[in-house]
Amino acid sequence: MRINGLVMLVAILTVTMFSGCGGSSGLDTHPVSGNVTFDGQPVQEGRIQFRAVGGDQRAFSAEIKDGRYALEALAGKASVEIVASRLVPGKFDESNPGEKVPVGEMYIPARYNSQTELTADVTPGKNEINFALTGE
């Protein structure tokens, strides 16, 4: 069975996000939650990652579902990466005879993930940090 390139890319990004992620046991982490929108609409499904800017650059990630996320992270400045993909309506990969595989796309611009410009300041206690992303 042939694996769609997008599925492979998402799998690689997911593995990359989890590498170096620390669990909260024994760490002084703080709850962080919020909304993630793209061009005014909630990101239906995706992932968000907070990576400490200093120190060991420990990363914490969570699923984005219906525009919401919740995770625990270390206090301090963090670099934030957001990824999401969606199916392209009416587009299929038919390179294998008899197979019609839906095609997806990564639609969040690189400036929010692989070349992120996003940062957040996590403070002790509860944190509500929202991200309003645009395609412009």
N, C-alpha and C. Protein backbone atom coordinates (compact mmCIF):
# COMPACT_ATOMS: atom_id res chain seq x y z
N MET A 1 0.85 -1.19 0.00
CA MET A 1 0.00 0.00 0.00
C MET A 1 0.89 1.24 0.00
N ARG A 2 0.58 2.20 -0.82
CA ARG A 2 1.37 3.41 -0.96
C ARG A 2 0.94 4.44 0.08
N ILE A 3 1.89 5.10 0.71
CA ILE A 3 1.59 6.11 1.73
C ILE A 3 1.60 7.47 1.06
N ASN A 4 0.55 8.21 1.24
CA ASN A 4 0.44 9.55 0.70
C ASN A 4 1.56 10.41 1.31
N GLY A 5 2.20 11.24 0.50
CA GLY A 5 3.30 12.09 0.96
C GLY A 5 2.91 12.99 2.11
N LEU A 6 1.70 13.50 2.10
CA LEU A 6 1.25 14.37 3.18
C LEU A 6 1.17 13.61 4.49
N VAL A 7 0.63 12.39 4.43
CA VAL A 7 0.53 11.57 5.64
C VAL A 7 1.92 11.34 6.22
N MET A 8 2.88 11.06 5.35
CA MET A 8 4.25 10.84 5.80
C MET A 8 4.82 12.11 6.44
N LEU A 9 4.56 13.28 5.82
CA LEU A 9 5.06 14.54 6.36
C LEU A 9 4.47 14.79 7.74
N VAL A 10 3.17 14.58 7.90
CA VAL A 10 2.53 14.78 9.20
C VAL A 10 3.14 13.83 10.23
N ALA A 11 3.37 12.58 9.83
CA ALA A 11 3.97 11.61 10.75
C ALA A 11 5.36 12.07 11.19
N ILE A 12 6.15 12.56 10.25
CA ILE A 12 7.51 13.02 10.57
C ILE A 12 7.44 14.22 11.51
N LEU A 13 6.55 15.16 11.22
CA LEU A 13 6.42 16.34 12.09
C LEU A 13 5.98 15.94 13.49
N THR A 14 5.08 14.98 13.58
CA THR A 14 4.61 14.53 14.89
C THR A 14 5.74 13.90 15.68
N VAL A 15 6.52 13.03 15.04
CA VAL A 15 7.65 12.40 15.72
C VAL A 15 8.65 13.47 16.15
N THR A 16 8.91 14.44 15.28
CA THR A 16 9.84 15.51 15.61
C THR A 16 9.35 16.31 16.81
N MET A 17 8.06 16.56 16.86
CA MET A 17 7.52 17.32 17.97
C MET A 17 7.67 16.59 19.29
N PHE A 18 7.53 15.27 19.27
CA PHE A 18 7.61 14.51 20.50
C PHE A 18 9.04 14.25 20.93
N SER A 19 10.00 14.33 20.03
CA SER A 19 11.38 14.07 20.44
C SER A 19 11.82 15.21 21.34
N GLY A 20 12.34 14.87 22.47
CA GLY A 20 12.79 15.87 23.43
C GLY A 20 11.69 16.41 24.32
N CYS A 21 10.46 15.95 24.11
CA CYS A 21 9.37 16.41 24.97
C CYS A 21 9.52 15.77 26.33
N GLY A 22 9.33 16.55 27.34
CA GLY A 22 9.42 16.00 28.68
C GLY A 22 8.04 15.85 29.28
N GLY A 23 7.87 14.83 30.07
CA GLY A 23 6.65 14.69 30.82
C GLY A 23 6.67 15.68 31.97
N SER A 24 5.54 15.90 32.60
CA SER A 24 5.50 16.90 33.65
C SER A 24 5.94 16.37 35.01
N SER A 25 6.22 15.06 35.13
CA SER A 25 6.62 14.52 36.43
C SER A 25 7.97 15.09 36.84
N GLY A 26 8.00 15.70 38.00
CA GLY A 26 9.24 16.25 38.52
C GLY A 26 9.61 17.61 37.97
N LEU A 27 8.88 18.12 37.00
CA LEU A 27 9.17 19.43 36.43
C LEU A 27 8.17 20.45 36.96
N ASP A 28 8.60 21.69 37.07
CA ASP A 28 7.74 22.77 37.54
C ASP A 28 6.99 23.34 36.34
N THR A 29 5.95 22.62 35.89
CA THR A 29 5.19 23.06 34.72
C THR A 29 3.92 23.78 35.15
N HIS A 30 3.36 24.54 34.19
CA HIS A 30 2.18 25.35 34.46
C HIS A 30 1.18 25.17 33.32
N PRO A 31 -0.13 25.15 33.64
CA PRO A 31 -1.13 24.94 32.60
C PRO A 31 -1.20 26.10 31.61
N VAL A 32 -1.26 25.73 30.33
CA VAL A 32 -1.39 26.71 29.26
C VAL A 32 -2.52 26.20 28.36
N SER A 33 -3.44 27.08 28.04
CA SER A 33 -4.53 26.71 27.13
C SER A 33 -4.91 27.94 26.33
N GLY A 34 -5.70 27.70 25.28
CA GLY A 34 -6.14 28.84 24.48
C GLY A 34 -6.80 28.40 23.19
N ASN A 35 -7.06 29.40 22.37
CA ASN A 35 -7.69 29.20 21.07
C ASN A 35 -6.66 29.41 19.97
N VAL A 36 -6.83 28.66 18.87
CA VAL A 36 -6.00 28.84 17.68
C VAL A 36 -6.94 29.00 16.50
N THR A 37 -6.84 30.16 15.84
CA THR A 37 -7.65 30.40 14.65
C THR A 37 -6.74 30.66 13.46
N PHE A 38 -7.27 30.38 12.27
CA PHE A 38 -6.57 30.67 11.02
C PHE A 38 -7.55 31.41 10.13
N ASP A 39 -7.19 32.64 9.76
CA ASP A 39 -8.06 33.51 8.98
C ASP A 39 -9.46 33.60 9.60
N GLY A 40 -9.49 33.72 10.93
CA GLY A 40 -10.73 33.93 11.66
C GLY A 40 -11.53 32.68 11.98
N GLN A 41 -11.09 31.52 11.51
CA GLN A 41 -11.80 30.26 11.75
C GLN A 41 -10.99 29.37 12.69
N PRO A 42 -11.65 28.65 13.60
CA PRO A 42 -10.91 27.74 14.49
C PRO A 42 -10.16 26.68 13.68
N VAL A 43 -8.92 26.39 14.09
CA VAL A 43 -8.17 25.29 13.49
C VAL A 43 -8.83 24.01 13.98
N GLN A 44 -9.40 23.24 13.06
CA GLN A 44 -10.18 22.06 13.45
C GLN A 44 -9.32 20.97 14.07
N GLU A 45 -8.19 20.65 13.44
CA GLU A 45 -7.27 19.63 13.96
C GLU A 45 -5.85 20.04 13.64
N GLY A 46 -4.97 19.89 14.61
CA GLY A 46 -3.57 20.22 14.41
C GLY A 46 -2.78 19.93 15.67
N ARG A 47 -1.58 20.48 15.73
CA ARG A 47 -0.72 20.34 16.91
C ARG A 47 -0.06 21.67 17.19
N ILE A 48 0.18 21.90 18.48
CA ILE A 48 0.90 23.09 18.92
C ILE A 48 2.05 22.63 19.81
N GLN A 49 3.17 23.32 19.69
CA GLN A 49 4.34 22.97 20.50
C GLN A 49 4.94 24.24 21.10
N PHE A 50 5.22 24.19 22.40
CA PHE A 50 5.94 25.25 23.10
C PHE A 50 7.33 24.70 23.39
N ARG A 51 8.38 25.40 22.94
CA ARG A 51 9.76 24.97 23.19
C ARG A 51 10.46 26.10 23.95
N ALA A 52 11.01 25.78 25.11
CA ALA A 52 11.73 26.77 25.91
C ALA A 52 12.84 27.40 25.09
N VAL A 53 12.96 28.72 25.17
CA VAL A 53 13.98 29.44 24.41
C VAL A 53 15.36 29.25 25.03
N GLY A 54 15.44 29.20 26.35
CA GLY A 54 16.72 29.03 27.02
C GLY A 54 16.86 27.65 27.61
N GLY A 55 17.97 27.43 28.26
CA GLY A 55 18.19 26.16 28.96
C GLY A 55 18.27 24.99 28.00
N ASP A 56 17.62 23.89 28.40
CA ASP A 56 17.71 22.67 27.59
C ASP A 56 16.71 22.65 26.44
N GLN A 57 15.96 23.73 26.24
CA GLN A 57 14.98 23.87 25.16
C GLN A 57 13.96 22.73 25.15
N ARG A 58 13.55 22.33 26.32
CA ARG A 58 12.56 21.27 26.47
C ARG A 58 11.27 21.71 25.77
N ALA A 59 10.60 20.76 25.11
CA ALA A 59 9.38 21.06 24.36
C ALA A 59 8.18 20.33 24.95
N PHE A 60 7.03 20.97 24.82
CA PHE A 60 5.76 20.41 25.28
C PHE A 60 4.75 20.64 24.16
N SER A 61 4.03 19.60 23.78
CA SER A 61 3.09 19.76 22.68
C SER A 61 1.73 19.18 23.05
N ALA A 62 0.73 19.58 22.27
CA ALA A 62 -0.63 19.12 22.50
C ALA A 62 -1.41 19.17 21.19
N GLU A 63 -2.49 18.43 21.18
CA GLU A 63 -3.40 18.43 20.04
C GLU A 63 -4.24 19.70 20.07
N ILE A 64 -4.53 20.20 18.87
CA ILE A 64 -5.51 21.28 18.72
C ILE A 64 -6.76 20.59 18.19
N LYS A 65 -7.86 20.80 18.85
CA LYS A 65 -9.13 20.19 18.44
C LYS A 65 -10.21 21.26 18.51
N ASP A 66 -10.89 21.48 17.40
CA ASP A 66 -11.95 22.49 17.33
C ASP A 66 -11.47 23.86 17.82
N GLY A 67 -10.23 24.19 17.50
CA GLY A 67 -9.68 25.49 17.84
C GLY A 67 -9.14 25.65 19.24
N ARG A 68 -9.14 24.60 20.06
CA ARG A 68 -8.68 24.69 21.44
C ARG A 68 -7.49 23.77 21.69
N TYR A 69 -6.63 24.17 22.59
CA TYR A 69 -5.52 23.32 23.03
C TYR A 69 -5.33 23.50 24.52
N ALA A 70 -4.68 22.53 25.15
CA ALA A 70 -4.33 22.62 26.57
C ALA A 70 -3.09 21.76 26.78
N LEU A 71 -2.10 22.31 27.47
CA LEU A 71 -0.87 21.59 27.78
C LEU A 71 -0.26 22.16 29.04
N GLU A 72 0.85 21.58 29.45
CA GLU A 72 1.63 22.10 30.58
C GLU A 72 3.02 22.41 30.04
N ALA A 73 3.60 23.54 30.47
CA ALA A 73 4.92 23.95 30.00
C ALA A 73 5.68 24.63 31.13
N LEU A 74 6.98 24.73 30.94
CA LEU A 74 7.82 25.42 31.91
C LEU A 74 7.59 26.92 31.81
N ALA A 75 7.73 27.63 32.94
CA ALA A 75 7.61 29.08 32.94
C ALA A 75 8.78 29.67 32.16
N GLY A 76 8.51 30.76 31.47
CA GLY A 76 9.54 31.46 30.71
C GLY A 76 9.13 31.65 29.27
N LYS A 77 10.04 32.23 28.51
CA LYS A 77 9.77 32.49 27.10
C LYS A 77 9.87 31.19 26.30
N ALA A 78 8.91 31.01 25.38
CA ALA A 78 8.87 29.81 24.55
C ALA A 78 8.66 30.19 23.10
N SER A 79 9.27 29.42 22.24
CA SER A 79 9.01 29.49 20.81
C SER A 79 7.81 28.58 20.56
N VAL A 80 6.87 29.02 19.73
CA VAL A 80 5.64 28.26 19.51
C VAL A 80 5.53 27.87 18.04
N GLU A 81 5.22 26.59 17.81
CA GLU A 81 5.02 26.09 16.45
C GLU A 81 3.62 25.48 16.35
N ILE A 82 2.94 25.79 15.24
CA ILE A 82 1.59 25.27 15.02
C ILE A 82 1.54 24.64 13.63
N VAL A 83 1.08 23.39 13.56
CA VAL A 83 0.92 22.70 12.28
C VAL A 83 -0.51 22.17 12.17
N ALA A 84 -1.01 22.15 10.95
CA ALA A 84 -2.33 21.59 10.69
C ALA A 84 -2.43 21.25 9.20
N SER A 85 -3.18 20.23 8.91
CA SER A 85 -3.42 19.86 7.51
C SER A 85 -4.91 19.66 7.31
N ARG A 86 -5.32 19.72 6.06
CA ARG A 86 -6.72 19.51 5.72
C ARG A 86 -6.79 18.88 4.34
N LEU A 87 -7.89 18.18 4.09
CA LEU A 87 -8.11 17.56 2.79
C LEU A 87 -8.46 18.65 1.77
N VAL A 88 -7.99 18.47 0.54
CA VAL A 88 -8.32 19.38 -0.55
C VAL A 88 -9.57 18.82 -1.22
N PRO A 89 -10.70 19.52 -1.12
CA PRO A 89 -11.94 19.00 -1.68
C PRO A 89 -11.81 18.66 -3.17
N GLY A 90 -12.24 17.47 -3.53
CA GLY A 90 -12.25 17.05 -4.93
C GLY A 90 -10.91 16.67 -5.52
N LYS A 91 -9.85 16.67 -4.71
CA LYS A 91 -8.52 16.32 -5.23
C LYS A 91 -8.11 14.95 -4.70
N PHE A 92 -7.68 14.08 -5.62
CA PHE A 92 -7.30 12.72 -5.26
C PHE A 92 -6.02 12.33 -5.95
N ASP A 93 -5.22 11.50 -5.29
CA ASP A 93 -4.03 10.90 -5.88
C ASP A 93 -4.47 9.57 -6.50
N GLU A 94 -4.37 9.49 -7.82
CA GLU A 94 -4.80 8.28 -8.52
C GLU A 94 -3.62 7.64 -9.25
N SER A 95 -2.40 7.83 -8.69
CA SER A 95 -1.20 7.31 -9.35
C SER A 95 -1.15 5.78 -9.32
N ASN A 96 -1.80 5.16 -8.38
CA ASN A 96 -1.90 3.69 -8.36
C ASN A 96 -3.24 3.29 -8.96
N PRO A 97 -3.23 2.49 -10.03
CA PRO A 97 -4.50 2.09 -10.65
C PRO A 97 -5.46 1.47 -9.63
N GLY A 98 -6.69 1.92 -9.68
CA GLY A 98 -7.71 1.39 -8.80
C GLY A 98 -7.77 2.06 -7.43
N GLU A 99 -6.80 2.92 -7.13
CA GLU A 99 -6.78 3.63 -5.84
C GLU A 99 -7.11 5.10 -6.06
N LYS A 100 -7.95 5.61 -5.21
CA LYS A 100 -8.32 7.02 -5.24
C LYS A 100 -8.12 7.55 -3.82
N VAL A 101 -6.94 8.09 -3.54
CA VAL A 101 -6.57 8.52 -2.20
C VAL A 101 -6.78 10.04 -2.07
N PRO A 102 -7.57 10.49 -1.08
CA PRO A 102 -7.74 11.93 -0.89
C PRO A 102 -6.39 12.61 -0.65
N VAL A 103 -6.24 13.81 -1.20
CA VAL A 103 -5.00 14.57 -1.07
C VAL A 103 -5.21 15.66 -0.03
N GLY A 104 -4.23 15.82 0.83
CA GLY A 104 -4.28 16.85 1.85
C GLY A 104 -3.21 17.90 1.63
N GLU A 105 -3.29 18.95 2.40
CA GLU A 105 -2.30 20.02 2.32
C GLU A 105 -2.01 20.56 3.72
N MET A 106 -0.76 20.94 3.93
CA MET A 106 -0.40 21.67 5.13
C MET A 106 -0.75 23.12 4.81
N TYR A 107 -1.66 23.71 5.56
CA TYR A 107 -2.13 25.04 5.19
C TYR A 107 -1.67 26.16 6.11
N ILE A 108 -1.06 25.82 7.21
CA ILE A 108 -0.53 26.85 8.11
C ILE A 108 0.83 27.28 7.56
N PRO A 109 1.05 28.57 7.29
CA PRO A 109 2.31 29.04 6.72
C PRO A 109 3.52 28.70 7.60
N ALA A 110 4.67 28.55 6.94
CA ALA A 110 5.93 28.19 7.62
C ALA A 110 6.29 29.17 8.73
N ARG A 111 5.87 30.42 8.62
CA ARG A 111 6.23 31.41 9.66
C ARG A 111 5.59 31.09 11.01
N TYR A 112 4.67 30.09 11.02
CA TYR A 112 4.05 29.65 12.26
C TYR A 112 4.52 28.26 12.68
N ASN A 113 5.40 27.62 11.91
CA ASN A 113 5.89 26.29 12.29
C ASN A 113 7.38 26.15 11.99
N SER A 114 7.78 25.63 10.85
CA SER A 114 9.20 25.35 10.61
C SER A 114 10.07 26.60 10.66
N GLN A 115 9.50 27.77 10.39
CA GLN A 115 10.23 29.04 10.47
C GLN A 115 9.49 29.99 11.41
N THR A 116 9.06 29.45 12.54
CA THR A 116 8.13 30.18 13.41
C THR A 116 8.62 31.55 13.85
N GLU A 117 7.67 32.46 13.89
CA GLU A 117 7.87 33.80 14.43
C GLU A 117 7.10 33.94 15.75
N LEU A 118 6.39 32.88 16.13
CA LEU A 118 5.53 32.92 17.31
C LEU A 118 6.32 32.68 18.60
N THR A 119 6.00 33.46 19.61
CA THR A 119 6.57 33.25 20.94
C THR A 119 5.45 33.42 21.97
N ALA A 120 5.71 32.93 23.15
CA ALA A 120 4.77 33.09 24.27
C ALA A 120 5.56 33.19 25.56
N ASP A 121 5.02 33.92 26.50
CA ASP A 121 5.62 33.99 27.84
C ASP A 121 4.72 33.22 28.79
N VAL A 122 5.22 32.08 29.25
CA VAL A 122 4.48 31.25 30.20
C VAL A 122 4.84 31.72 31.60
N THR A 123 3.83 32.02 32.40
CA THR A 123 4.05 32.49 33.76
C THR A 123 3.59 31.44 34.75
N PRO A 124 4.09 31.48 35.99
CA PRO A 124 3.61 30.54 37.00
C PRO A 124 2.09 30.70 37.16
N GLY A 125 1.39 29.60 37.33
CA GLY A 125 -0.06 29.62 37.43
C GLY A 125 -0.70 29.32 36.09
N LYS A 126 -2.00 29.59 35.98
CA LYS A 126 -2.74 29.33 34.74
C LYS A 126 -2.41 30.38 33.68
N ASN A 127 -2.32 29.91 32.43
CA ASN A 127 -2.03 30.80 31.31
C ASN A 127 -3.07 30.58 30.22
N GLU A 128 -3.65 31.66 29.71
CA GLU A 128 -4.55 31.63 28.56
C GLU A 128 -3.82 32.38 27.44
N ILE A 129 -3.36 31.63 26.43
CA ILE A 129 -2.60 32.23 25.33
C ILE A 129 -3.26 31.83 24.02
N ASN A 130 -3.79 32.84 23.32
CA ASN A 130 -4.50 32.61 22.06
C ASN A 130 -3.62 32.98 20.88
N PHE A 131 -3.85 32.31 19.76
CA PHE A 131 -3.10 32.57 18.53
C PHE A 131 -4.09 32.78 17.39
N ALA A 132 -4.04 33.98 16.78
CA ALA A 132 -4.87 34.31 15.62
C ALA A 132 -3.94 34.37 14.41
N LEU A 133 -3.88 33.28 13.66
CA LEU A 133 -2.98 33.16 12.51
C LEU A 133 -3.68 33.63 11.24
N THR A 134 -2.88 34.13 10.30
CA THR A 134 -3.44 34.55 9.01
C THR A 134 -2.62 33.97 7.87
N GLY A 135 -3.26 33.86 6.73
CA GLY A 135 -2.57 33.35 5.54
C GLY A 135 -1.85 34.44 4.77
N GLU A 136 -2.00 35.68 5.19
CA GLU A 136 -1.37 36.80 4.48
C GLU A 136 0.09 36.90 4.77
